[in-house]
């Protein structure tokens, strides 16, 4: 029995390892870079203390749009 994807499997090739390693560093930088919420919490924590950082983090959660689940 033939699979519908059989004809695509022969044309798929793995990119050269040099390309994968060249893309790895920028991708890692994007993943590890802190977002605006983290920068706000860190700056408030350093300048005003731990409580200010915690309150800023909690406040940011109130204003960041997140997808709502529909029931």
Protein backbone atom coordinates (compact mmCIF):
# COMPACT_ATOMS: atom_id res chain seq x y z
CA UNK A 1 0.00 0.00 0.00
CA UNK A 2 1.39 3.38 -0.99
CA UNK A 3 1.62 6.23 1.46
CA UNK A 4 0.54 9.70 0.29
CA UNK A 5 3.86 11.16 1.47
CA UNK A 6 6.17 8.63 -0.24
CA UNK A 7 6.95 10.89 -3.18
CA UNK A 8 8.02 13.75 -0.85
CA UNK A 9 10.43 11.71 1.24
CA UNK A 10 12.93 11.23 -1.57
CA UNK A 11 13.21 14.98 -2.22
CA UNK A 12 13.82 16.03 1.41
CA UNK A 13 17.50 16.49 2.25
CA UNK A 14 19.30 17.58 5.37
CA UNK A 15 21.07 20.95 5.09
CA UNK A 16 24.85 20.88 5.45
CA UNK A 17 26.11 20.92 9.03
CA UNK A 18 27.82 24.29 8.44
CA UNK A 19 24.44 25.88 7.74
CA UNK A 20 22.94 24.38 10.88
CA UNK A 21 25.78 25.68 13.05
CA UNK A 22 25.62 29.12 11.40
CA UNK A 23 21.92 29.38 12.31
CA UNK A 24 22.40 28.07 15.84
CA UNK A 25 24.08 31.14 17.38
CA UNK A 26 21.46 33.73 16.28
CA UNK A 27 18.64 31.40 17.30
CA UNK A 28 20.20 30.87 20.72
CA UNK A 29 20.60 34.63 21.17
CA UNK A 30 16.92 35.22 20.42
CA UNK A 31 15.86 32.52 22.88
CA UNK A 32 18.13 33.71 25.71
CA UNK A 33 17.58 37.46 25.32
CA UNK A 34 15.41 38.85 28.10
CA UNK A 35 12.07 40.32 27.16
CA UNK A 36 10.76 43.71 28.29
CA UNK A 37 9.10 42.18 31.34
CA UNK A 38 12.39 40.73 32.58
CA UNK A 39 14.28 43.94 31.93
CA UNK A 40 11.67 45.92 33.88
CA UNK A 41 11.79 43.50 36.82
CA UNK A 42 15.59 43.47 36.88
CA UNK A 43 15.90 47.25 36.68
CA UNK A 44 13.28 47.80 39.40
CA UNK A 45 14.90 45.15 41.57
CA UNK A 46 18.32 46.73 41.27
CA UNK A 47 17.14 50.29 41.84
CA UNK A 48 14.24 49.85 44.27
CA UNK A 49 14.55 46.41 45.82
CA UNK A 50 13.01 42.96 45.65
CA UNK A 51 9.45 43.99 46.53
CA UNK A 52 9.38 46.54 43.69
CA UNK A 53 10.61 43.87 41.26
CA UNK A 54 7.92 41.43 42.39
CA UNK A 55 5.18 44.05 42.15
CA UNK A 56 6.38 45.10 38.69
CA UNK A 57 6.34 41.50 37.52
CA UNK A 58 2.85 41.00 38.88
CA UNK A 59 1.68 44.21 37.28
CA UNK A 60 3.10 43.25 33.90
CA UNK A 61 1.08 40.03 34.00
CA UNK A 62 -2.07 42.12 34.15
CA UNK A 63 -1.31 44.03 30.95
CA UNK A 64 0.28 41.40 28.71
CA UNK A 65 -2.31 40.02 26.31
CA UNK A 66 -2.52 36.26 26.41
CA UNK A 67 -4.74 33.95 24.42
CA UNK A 68 -7.96 33.15 26.23
CA UNK A 69 -9.33 29.63 26.30
CA UNK A 70 -12.81 29.18 25.05
CA UNK A 71 -14.98 26.69 26.85
